[in-house]
Amino acid sequence: MSKAKLGKIHDDKTKEAISIANGTPVYLYKITPEPENFTGAEREKEKLILEKTVHSVREAGKFLKISHSTVSKYLKSGALFKIILKICSTKLND
């Protein structure tokens, strides 16, 4: 069986199905208003708006133009990416 599949190239639709089945969904939330414009009282009014949902850490890395390992670090740490983007592996309540 492995010899029969050797050299086979999957089309994009199949690759996406494999990513959905095996990958960790990643949710990218934009913070509004932007944190550098916050005053003390506005910090409490901070909103997270779902910017994009991707099917894997690698796909998130391609979208953000960073490596997948950097995406993983942001997922684990909970830190903000470029001050305005939160990367989550679970969907947050709106």
Protein backbone atom coordinates (compact mmCIF):
# COMPACT_ATOMS: atom_id res chain seq x y z
CA MET A 1 0.00 0.00 0.00
CA SER A 2 2.78 2.45 0.82
CA LYS A 3 4.45 1.80 -2.55
CA ALA A 4 1.16 2.45 -4.34
CA LYS A 5 0.82 5.85 -2.65
CA LEU A 6 4.47 6.81 -3.04
CA GLY A 7 4.80 10.03 -5.04
CA LYS A 8 1.07 10.78 -5.01
CA ILE A 9 0.29 14.50 -4.80
CA HIS A 10 -2.93 15.62 -3.11
CA ASP A 11 -5.02 18.41 -4.61
CA ASP A 12 -5.81 21.53 -2.56
CA LYS A 13 -9.28 20.33 -1.57
CA THR A 14 -7.85 17.10 -0.12
CA LYS A 15 -5.09 18.99 1.70
CA GLU A 16 -7.70 21.26 3.28
CA ALA A 17 -9.78 18.25 4.39
CA ILE A 18 -6.69 16.68 5.98
CA SER A 19 -5.87 19.97 7.75
CA ILE A 20 -9.39 20.21 9.15
CA ALA A 21 -9.27 16.62 10.39
CA ASN A 22 -5.77 16.75 11.90
CA GLY A 23 -5.18 20.42 12.65
CA THR A 24 -5.94 22.65 15.57
CA PRO A 25 -8.36 25.41 14.65
CA VAL A 26 -6.89 28.85 15.26
CA TYR A 27 -9.00 31.94 15.85
CA LEU A 28 -7.50 35.37 15.18
CA TYR A 29 -9.16 38.21 17.10
CA LYS A 30 -8.53 41.90 16.49
CA ILE A 31 -8.61 44.13 19.56
CA THR A 32 -10.56 47.37 19.23
CA PRO A 33 -9.92 50.13 19.97
CA GLU A 34 -6.18 49.68 19.43
CA PRO A 35 -4.33 49.24 22.76
CA GLU A 36 -1.92 52.18 22.28
CA ASN A 37 -4.95 54.52 22.25
CA PHE A 38 -6.37 53.15 25.53
CA THR A 39 -6.86 55.22 28.63
CA GLY A 40 -7.57 53.56 31.96
CA ALA A 41 -11.38 53.61 31.62
CA GLU A 42 -11.34 52.51 27.96
CA ARG A 43 -9.37 49.38 28.87
CA GLU A 44 -12.58 47.88 30.25
CA LYS A 45 -14.44 48.56 26.98
CA GLU A 46 -11.95 46.55 24.95
CA LYS A 47 -13.62 44.31 22.36
CA LEU A 48 -12.35 41.26 20.54
CA ILE A 49 -13.63 40.95 16.99
CA LEU A 50 -13.11 37.69 15.13
CA GLU A 51 -10.84 38.59 12.23
CA LYS A 52 -10.23 35.13 10.72
CA THR A 53 -10.55 31.43 11.49
CA VAL A 54 -7.99 29.01 10.04
CA HIS A 55 -7.73 25.24 10.23
CA SER A 56 -4.17 24.84 11.48
CA VAL A 57 -1.21 26.57 13.09
CA ARG A 58 0.69 26.37 9.79
CA GLU A 59 -2.15 28.08 7.93
CA ALA A 60 -2.22 30.81 10.60
CA GLY A 61 1.52 31.28 10.11
CA LYS A 62 1.07 31.68 6.36
CA PHE A 63 -1.74 34.19 6.87
CA LEU A 64 0.27 36.26 9.37
CA LYS A 65 3.53 35.80 7.43
CA ILE A 66 5.33 34.30 10.44
CA SER A 67 6.55 30.78 11.20
CA HIS A 68 4.20 28.17 12.63
CA SER A 69 6.42 27.84 15.70
CA THR A 70 5.91 31.56 16.43
CA VAL A 71 2.14 31.06 16.17
CA SER A 72 2.44 28.18 18.66
CA LYS A 73 4.36 30.40 21.09
CA TYR A 74 1.63 33.05 20.96
CA LEU A 75 -1.04 30.36 21.48
CA LYS A 76 0.75 29.02 24.56
CA SER A 77 1.68 32.38 26.09
CA GLY A 78 -1.58 34.24 25.42
CA ALA A 79 0.44 37.34 24.48
CA LEU A 80 -0.82 39.75 21.84
CA PHE A 81 0.68 39.63 18.35
CA LYS A 82 1.77 43.09 17.16
CA ILE A 83 -0.27 44.59 20.02
CA ILE A 84 -3.58 44.34 18.14
CA LEU A 85 -4.15 40.62 17.49
CA LYS A 86 -4.98 37.81 19.91
CA ILE A 87 -4.34 34.25 18.72
CA CYS A 88 -6.55 31.59 20.35
CA SER A 89 -7.12 27.87 19.90
CA THR A 90 -10.65 28.07 21.31
CA LYS A 91 -13.46 30.30 20.16
CA LEU A 92 -14.14 33.09 22.63
CA ASN A 93 -17.67 34.07 23.61
CA ASP A 94 -18.89 37.13 21.76
